[in-house]
Amino acid sequence: MLVITCPYCGPRCESEFSNGGEAHIERPKDPESLSDAEWAEFVFLRDNPKGLLLERWNHAQGCRRWFNVARDTVTYEILAVYPMGSPPPALAPKRYV
């Protein structure tokens, strides 16, 4: 089981959290002007990297607050946890072949 360190409550098991998807996705400035294809791309298409991924998480069964996590998608290692609205930490992605 994955242990996630909530920046507000401390380490907790993964079952207390909900994944909110990729972090740092900016909403379109004028969504009414988007075509159906552009809107679908914004809503559904996300990166799926092998390695470093920045994600949003919610401590659903705890403090109910949102925060960001830098996680390696290959090893599931959590590299950093940081508050919403903060820039991501400078991390060097691991290289996978």
C-alpha atoms as a PDB file:
ATOM      1  CA  MET A   1       0.000   0.000   0.000  1.00  0.00           C
ATOM      2  CA  LEU A   2       1.196   3.492  -0.833  1.00  0.00           C
ATOM      3  CA  VAL A   3       1.806   5.820   2.129  1.00  0.00           C
ATOM      4  CA  ILE A   4       1.104   9.464   1.311  1.00  0.00           C
ATOM      5  CA  THR A   5       2.286  12.232   3.613  1.00  0.00           C
ATOM      6  CA  CYS A   6      -0.498  14.790   3.858  1.00  0.00           C
ATOM      7  CA  PRO A   7       1.189  18.172   4.440  1.00  0.00           C
ATOM      8  CA  TYR A   8      -1.487  18.936   7.046  1.00  0.00           C
ATOM      9  CA  CYS A   9      -2.053  15.552   8.802  1.00  0.00           C
ATOM     10  CA  GLY A  10       1.162  13.581   8.254  1.00  0.00           C
ATOM     11  CA  PRO A  11       1.645  10.086   6.796  1.00  0.00           C
ATOM     12  CA  ARG A  12      -1.542   8.150   6.004  1.00  0.00           C
ATOM     13  CA  CYS A  13      -2.395   5.118   3.882  1.00  0.00           C
ATOM     14  CA  GLU A  14      -3.466   5.608   0.278  1.00  0.00           C
ATOM     15  CA  SER A  15      -7.054   4.538   0.977  1.00  0.00           C
ATOM     16  CA  GLU A  16      -7.715   7.870   2.758  1.00  0.00           C
ATOM     17  CA  PHE A  17      -6.993   9.871  -0.403  1.00  0.00           C
ATOM     18  CA  SER A  18      -8.569  10.593  -3.781  1.00  0.00           C
ATOM     19  CA  ASN A  19      -6.425  11.270  -6.824  1.00  0.00           C
ATOM     20  CA  GLY A  20      -7.441  14.428  -8.671  1.00  0.00           C
ATOM     21  CA  GLY A  21      -5.362  13.870 -11.788  1.00  0.00           C
ATOM     22  CA  GLU A  22      -2.507  15.806 -13.288  1.00  0.00           C
ATOM     23  CA  ALA A  23      -1.502  19.004 -11.480  1.00  0.00           C
ATOM     24  CA  HIS A  24      -0.841  22.448 -12.936  1.00  0.00           C
ATOM     25  CA  ILE A  25      -3.400  22.224 -15.756  1.00  0.00           C
ATOM     26  CA  GLU A  26      -4.601  25.736 -16.532  1.00  0.00           C
ATOM     27  CA  ARG A  27      -8.281  26.159 -17.324  1.00  0.00           C
ATOM     28  CA  PRO A  28      -9.037  27.821 -20.674  1.00  0.00           C
ATOM     29  CA  LYS A  29      -9.484  31.602 -20.336  1.00  0.00           C
ATOM     30  CA  ASP A  30     -12.570  31.626 -22.562  1.00  0.00           C
ATOM     31  CA  PRO A  31     -14.149  28.137 -22.507  1.00  0.00           C
ATOM     32  CA  GLU A  32     -17.184  29.258 -24.526  1.00  0.00           C
ATOM     33  CA  SER A  33     -14.937  29.913 -27.526  1.00  0.00           C
ATOM     34  CA  LEU A  34     -13.545  26.355 -27.605  1.00  0.00           C
ATOM     35  CA  SER A  35     -14.717  23.871 -30.190  1.00  0.00           C
ATOM     36  CA  ASP A  36     -16.030  20.504 -29.018  1.00  0.00           C
ATOM     37  CA  ALA A  37     -12.722  18.907 -29.992  1.00  0.00           C
ATOM     38  CA  GLU A  38     -10.691  21.529 -28.079  1.00  0.00           C
ATOM     39  CA  TRP A  39     -12.924  21.168 -25.014  1.00  0.00           C
ATOM     40  CA  ALA A  40     -12.631  17.354 -25.155  1.00  0.00           C
ATOM     41  CA  GLU A  41      -8.834  17.690 -25.390  1.00  0.00           C
ATOM     42  CA  PHE A  42      -8.775  19.926 -22.279  1.00  0.00           C
ATOM     43  CA  VAL A  43     -11.077  17.649 -20.269  1.00  0.00           C
ATOM     44  CA  PHE A  44      -9.787  14.203 -21.252  1.00  0.00           C
ATOM     45  CA  LEU A  45      -6.257  14.276 -22.686  1.00  0.00           C
ATOM     46  CA  ARG A  46      -3.446  14.210 -20.144  1.00  0.00           C
ATOM     47  CA  ASP A  47       0.202  13.253 -20.138  1.00  0.00           C
ATOM     48  CA  ASN A  48       0.988   9.669 -19.191  1.00  0.00           C
ATOM     49  CA  PRO A  49       4.741   9.798 -18.635  1.00  0.00           C
ATOM     50  CA  LYS A  50       6.965   6.958 -17.645  1.00  0.00           C
ATOM     51  CA  GLY A  51       8.650   8.602 -14.670  1.00  0.00           C
ATOM     52  CA  LEU A  52       7.957  11.913 -12.948  1.00  0.00           C
ATOM     53  CA  LEU A  53       4.308  13.007 -12.777  1.00  0.00           C
ATOM     54  CA  LEU A  54       2.872  15.963 -10.854  1.00  0.00           C
ATOM     55  CA  GLU A  55      -0.565  15.113  -9.443  1.00  0.00           C
ATOM     56  CA  ARG A  56      -3.319  16.660  -7.314  1.00  0.00           C
ATOM     57  CA  TRP A  57      -4.496  14.670  -4.295  1.00  0.00           C
ATOM     58  CA  ASN A  58      -7.319  15.210  -1.810  1.00  0.00           C
ATOM     59  CA  HIS A  59      -7.228  13.882   1.767  1.00  0.00           C
ATOM     60  CA  ALA A  60     -10.848  12.770   1.438  1.00  0.00           C
ATOM     61  CA  GLN A  61     -11.045  10.831   4.718  1.00  0.00           C
ATOM     62  CA  GLY A  62      -8.972  13.274   6.718  1.00  0.00           C
ATOM     63  CA  CYS A  63      -8.620  17.047   6.569  1.00  0.00           C
ATOM     64  CA  ARG A  64     -10.321  17.128   3.111  1.00  0.00           C
ATOM     65  CA  ARG A  65      -7.663  19.522   1.799  1.00  0.00           C
ATOM     66  CA  TRP A  66      -6.026  19.416  -1.622  1.00  0.00           C
ATOM     67  CA  PHE A  67      -2.262  19.309  -2.222  1.00  0.00           C
ATOM     68  CA  ASN A  68       0.191  18.344  -4.954  1.00  0.00           C
ATOM     69  CA  VAL A  69       2.403  15.270  -5.150  1.00  0.00           C
ATOM     70  CA  ALA A  70       5.440  14.605  -7.354  1.00  0.00           C
ATOM     71  CA  ARG A  71       5.410  10.840  -7.969  1.00  0.00           C
ATOM     72  CA  ASP A  72       7.411   8.398 -10.056  1.00  0.00           C
ATOM     73  CA  THR A  73       4.903   6.397 -12.127  1.00  0.00           C
ATOM     74  CA  VAL A  74       7.265   3.439 -12.493  1.00  0.00           C
ATOM     75  CA  THR A  75       8.254   2.903  -8.853  1.00  0.00           C
ATOM     76  CA  TYR A  76       5.300   4.746  -7.223  1.00  0.00           C
ATOM     77  CA  GLU A  77       7.889   6.568  -5.092  1.00  0.00           C
ATOM     78  CA  ILE A  78       6.622   9.910  -3.826  1.00  0.00           C
ATOM     79  CA  LEU A  79       9.395  12.406  -4.443  1.00  0.00           C
ATOM     80  CA  ALA A  80       7.771  15.531  -2.979  1.00  0.00           C
ATOM     81  CA  VAL A  81       4.540  16.840  -1.474  1.00  0.00           C
ATOM     82  CA  TYR A  82       3.733  20.545  -1.746  1.00  0.00           C
ATOM     83  CA  PRO A  83       0.734  22.865  -1.202  1.00  0.00           C
ATOM     84  CA  MET A  84      -1.715  23.857  -3.909  1.00  0.00           C
ATOM     85  CA  GLY A  85      -0.708  27.116  -5.575  1.00  0.00           C
ATOM     86  CA  SER A  86       3.000  26.504  -4.979  1.00  0.00           C
ATOM     87  CA  PRO A  87       5.368  25.887  -7.867  1.00  0.00           C
ATOM     88  CA  PRO A  88       6.605  22.324  -8.253  1.00  0.00           C
ATOM     89  CA  PRO A  89       9.982  21.520  -6.707  1.00  0.00           C
ATOM     90  CA  ALA A  90      12.974  21.230  -8.981  1.00  0.00           C
ATOM     91  CA  LEU A  91      13.342  17.474  -9.466  1.00  0.00           C
ATOM     92  CA  ALA A  92      15.424  15.645 -11.988  1.00  0.00           C
ATOM     93  CA  PRO A  93      13.293  12.971 -13.663  1.00  0.00           C
ATOM     94  CA  LYS A  94      14.808   9.467 -13.691  1.00  0.00           C
ATOM     95  CA  ARG A  95      15.551   8.004 -17.077  1.00  0.00           C
ATOM     96  CA  TYR A  96      13.806   4.767 -17.998  1.00  0.00           C
ATOM     97  CA  VAL A  97      14.452   2.770 -21.130  1.00  0.00           C
END
